[in-house]
Amino acid sequence: MNKGPNTVIYPVSDLASAKALFGRLVGTDPVADAEYYVGFQSGDEHIGLDPNGEKRGMKGATPFWDVDDIQGVAAGLVEGGATIIEDAHDVGGGLLVAILSDADGNMIGLRQAT
């Protein structure tokens, strides 16, 4: 079952500046604050800043869809014309993520809690 997107990750080149900007936008302090990732919670939406996002193939803001079967959903998207940018892998805390792109280059993120 796909639960829809509730996380958007932005690839950023200057994490400190992006953190300050999004802190003003969201109006709160980060809920995650590390040199490799800063995250904010705004209602039910999580906003993440990834200084390595571009290296990982992210071309812009990427919505992440919560799914129950990341491998199955990714395979179905590939059958529908998507390209895998980053295979599903464990990012810690029991979370798997994958990044794909549609035929127009739009980013599609998948997340699965394990």
C-alpha atoms as a PDB file:
ATOM      1  CA  MET A   1       0.000   0.000   0.000  1.00  0.00           C
ATOM      2  CA  ASN A   2       1.296   3.448  -0.889  1.00  0.00           C
ATOM      3  CA  LYS A   3       0.600   6.053   1.766  1.00  0.00           C
ATOM      4  CA  GLY A   4       1.576   9.068  -0.302  1.00  0.00           C
ATOM      5  CA  PRO A   5       4.348  11.617   0.088  1.00  0.00           C
ATOM      6  CA  ASN A   6       4.969  13.272   3.441  1.00  0.00           C
ATOM      7  CA  THR A   7       8.663  14.054   3.071  1.00  0.00           C
ATOM      8  CA  VAL A   8      10.382  16.423   0.663  1.00  0.00           C
ATOM      9  CA  ILE A   9      14.185  16.436   0.468  1.00  0.00           C
ATOM     10  CA  TYR A  10      16.037  19.380  -1.054  1.00  0.00           C
ATOM     11  CA  PRO A  11      19.609  18.926  -2.316  1.00  0.00           C
ATOM     12  CA  VAL A  12      21.579  21.925  -1.026  1.00  0.00           C
ATOM     13  CA  SER A  13      25.102  23.172  -1.671  1.00  0.00           C
ATOM     14  CA  ASP A  14      25.395  25.286   1.516  1.00  0.00           C
ATOM     15  CA  LEU A  15      23.801  23.447   4.421  1.00  0.00           C
ATOM     16  CA  ALA A  16      24.240  26.281   6.933  1.00  0.00           C
ATOM     17  CA  SER A  17      22.560  28.846   4.682  1.00  0.00           C
ATOM     18  CA  ALA A  18      19.765  26.453   3.719  1.00  0.00           C
ATOM     19  CA  LYS A  19      19.211  25.593   7.395  1.00  0.00           C
ATOM     20  CA  ALA A  20      18.820  29.274   8.253  1.00  0.00           C
ATOM     21  CA  LEU A  21      16.492  29.911   5.303  1.00  0.00           C
ATOM     22  CA  PHE A  22      14.245  26.898   5.918  1.00  0.00           C
ATOM     23  CA  GLY A  23      14.239  27.606   9.652  1.00  0.00           C
ATOM     24  CA  ARG A  24      12.685  30.978   8.846  1.00  0.00           C
ATOM     25  CA  LEU A  25      10.275  29.409   6.366  1.00  0.00           C
ATOM     26  CA  VAL A  26       9.105  26.612   8.664  1.00  0.00           C
ATOM     27  CA  GLY A  27       9.298  28.766  11.799  1.00  0.00           C
ATOM     28  CA  THR A  28      10.871  26.091  14.009  1.00  0.00           C
ATOM     29  CA  ASP A  29      14.217  24.630  14.936  1.00  0.00           C
ATOM     30  CA  PRO A  30      15.303  21.470  13.108  1.00  0.00           C
ATOM     31  CA  VAL A  31      14.226  18.092  14.466  1.00  0.00           C
ATOM     32  CA  ALA A  32      17.378  16.552  12.940  1.00  0.00           C
ATOM     33  CA  ASP A  33      20.606  18.527  12.726  1.00  0.00           C
ATOM     34  CA  ALA A  34      23.780  16.847  11.505  1.00  0.00           C
ATOM     35  CA  GLU A  35      26.539  17.667   9.024  1.00  0.00           C
ATOM     36  CA  TYR A  36      25.002  15.215   6.537  1.00  0.00           C
ATOM     37  CA  TYR A  37      21.293  16.114   6.966  1.00  0.00           C
ATOM     38  CA  VAL A  38      19.022  18.741   8.505  1.00  0.00           C
ATOM     39  CA  GLY A  39      15.312  18.074   8.862  1.00  0.00           C
ATOM     40  CA  PHE A  40      12.318  20.179   9.881  1.00  0.00           C
ATOM     41  CA  GLN A  41       8.815  19.093  10.806  1.00  0.00           C
ATOM     42  CA  SER A  42       5.939  21.249   9.584  1.00  0.00           C
ATOM     43  CA  GLY A  43       2.629  19.666  10.561  1.00  0.00           C
ATOM     44  CA  ASP A  44       2.555  16.227   8.946  1.00  0.00           C
ATOM     45  CA  GLU A  45       5.248  17.193   6.424  1.00  0.00           C
ATOM     46  CA  HIS A  46       8.979  16.558   6.910  1.00  0.00           C
ATOM     47  CA  ILE A  47      11.335  18.902   5.057  1.00  0.00           C
ATOM     48  CA  GLY A  48      14.887  17.631   4.652  1.00  0.00           C
ATOM     49  CA  LEU A  49      18.080  19.328   3.490  1.00  0.00           C
ATOM     50  CA  ASP A  50      20.730  17.028   2.002  1.00  0.00           C
ATOM     51  CA  PRO A  51      24.166  18.474   1.213  1.00  0.00           C
ATOM     52  CA  ASN A  52      24.963  15.258  -0.704  1.00  0.00           C
ATOM     53  CA  GLY A  53      21.695  15.167  -2.642  1.00  0.00           C
ATOM     54  CA  GLU A  54      23.163  16.302  -5.939  1.00  0.00           C
ATOM     55  CA  LYS A  55      25.937  13.685  -5.679  1.00  0.00           C
ATOM     56  CA  ARG A  56      23.191  11.101  -5.104  1.00  0.00           C
ATOM     57  CA  GLY A  57      21.491  12.135  -8.371  1.00  0.00           C
ATOM     58  CA  MET A  58      18.797  14.439  -7.023  1.00  0.00           C
ATOM     59  CA  LYS A  59      18.077  17.213  -9.534  1.00  0.00           C
ATOM     60  CA  GLY A  60      15.774  19.237  -7.303  1.00  0.00           C
ATOM     61  CA  ALA A  61      13.230  18.915  -4.527  1.00  0.00           C
ATOM     62  CA  THR A  62      12.268  15.256  -4.240  1.00  0.00           C
ATOM     63  CA  PRO A  63       9.018  14.076  -2.671  1.00  0.00           C
ATOM     64  CA  PHE A  64       9.343  10.730  -0.880  1.00  0.00           C
ATOM     65  CA  TRP A  65       6.377   8.383  -0.918  1.00  0.00           C
ATOM     66  CA  ASP A  66       5.871   6.015   2.027  1.00  0.00           C
ATOM     67  CA  VAL A  67       5.346   2.506   0.667  1.00  0.00           C
ATOM     68  CA  ASP A  68       5.043  -0.978   2.146  1.00  0.00           C
ATOM     69  CA  ASP A  69       7.110  -2.753  -0.549  1.00  0.00           C
ATOM     70  CA  ILE A  70       9.912  -0.525  -1.829  1.00  0.00           C
ATOM     71  CA  GLN A  71      11.348  -3.176  -4.161  1.00  0.00           C
ATOM     72  CA  GLY A  72       7.955  -3.983  -5.696  1.00  0.00           C
ATOM     73  CA  VAL A  73       6.964  -0.342  -6.145  1.00  0.00           C
ATOM     74  CA  ALA A  74      10.360   0.512  -7.670  1.00  0.00           C
ATOM     75  CA  ALA A  75      10.089  -2.416 -10.085  1.00  0.00           C
ATOM     76  CA  GLY A  76       6.593  -1.335 -11.095  1.00  0.00           C
ATOM     77  CA  LEU A  77       7.769   2.219 -11.714  1.00  0.00           C
ATOM     78  CA  VAL A  78      10.673   0.980 -13.845  1.00  0.00           C
ATOM     79  CA  GLU A  79       8.188  -1.108 -15.870  1.00  0.00           C
ATOM     80  CA  GLY A  80       6.221   2.121 -16.319  1.00  0.00           C
ATOM     81  CA  GLY A  81       9.253   3.976 -17.686  1.00  0.00           C
ATOM     82  CA  ALA A  82      11.053   5.277 -14.589  1.00  0.00           C
ATOM     83  CA  THR A  83      14.824   5.089 -14.171  1.00  0.00           C
ATOM     84  CA  ILE A  84      16.498   4.109 -10.920  1.00  0.00           C
ATOM     85  CA  ILE A  85      18.793   6.876  -9.716  1.00  0.00           C
ATOM     86  CA  GLU A  86      19.627   5.275  -6.368  1.00  0.00           C
ATOM     87  CA  ASP A  87      18.706   1.674  -5.500  1.00  0.00           C
ATOM     88  CA  ALA A  88      16.816   0.954  -2.296  1.00  0.00           C
ATOM     89  CA  HIS A  89      19.175   0.928   0.652  1.00  0.00           C
ATOM     90  CA  ASP A  90      19.123   1.250   4.424  1.00  0.00           C
ATOM     91  CA  VAL A  91      19.798   4.768   5.690  1.00  0.00           C
ATOM     92  CA  GLY A  92      19.571   3.777   9.359  1.00  0.00           C
ATOM     93  CA  GLY A  93      16.825   3.775  11.918  1.00  0.00           C
ATOM     94  CA  GLY A  94      14.971   1.017  10.086  1.00  0.00           C
ATOM     95  CA  LEU A  95      14.353   3.112   6.976  1.00  0.00           C
ATOM     96  CA  LEU A  96      14.928   2.080   3.350  1.00  0.00           C
ATOM     97  CA  VAL A  97      15.015   4.724   0.633  1.00  0.00           C
ATOM     98  CA  ALA A  98      15.270   4.709  -3.165  1.00  0.00           C
ATOM     99  CA  ILE A  99      15.297   7.501  -5.750  1.00  0.00           C
ATOM    100  CA  LEU A 100      13.903   7.208  -9.263  1.00  0.00           C
ATOM    101  CA  SER A 101      13.196   9.623 -12.068  1.00  0.00           C
ATOM    102  CA  ASP A 102      10.333   9.707 -14.532  1.00  0.00           C
ATOM    103  CA  ALA A 103      10.748  10.189 -18.281  1.00  0.00           C
ATOM    104  CA  ASP A 104      10.746  13.987 -17.821  1.00  0.00           C
ATOM    105  CA  GLY A 105      13.481  13.925 -15.172  1.00  0.00           C
ATOM    106  CA  ASN A 106      11.161  14.501 -12.213  1.00  0.00           C
ATOM    107  CA  MET A 107      12.460  12.940  -9.018  1.00  0.00           C
ATOM    108  CA  ILE A 108      10.441  10.253  -7.206  1.00  0.00           C
ATOM    109  CA  GLY A 109      11.591   9.173  -3.771  1.00  0.00           C
ATOM    110  CA  LEU A 110      10.412   6.012  -2.014  1.00  0.00           C
ATOM    111  CA  ARG A 111      10.629   5.275   1.720  1.00  0.00           C
ATOM    112  CA  GLN A 112       9.863   2.060   3.555  1.00  0.00           C
ATOM    113  CA  ALA A 113       9.960   1.562   7.296  1.00  0.00           C
ATOM    114  CA  THR A 114      11.315  -1.887   8.138  1.00  0.00           C
END
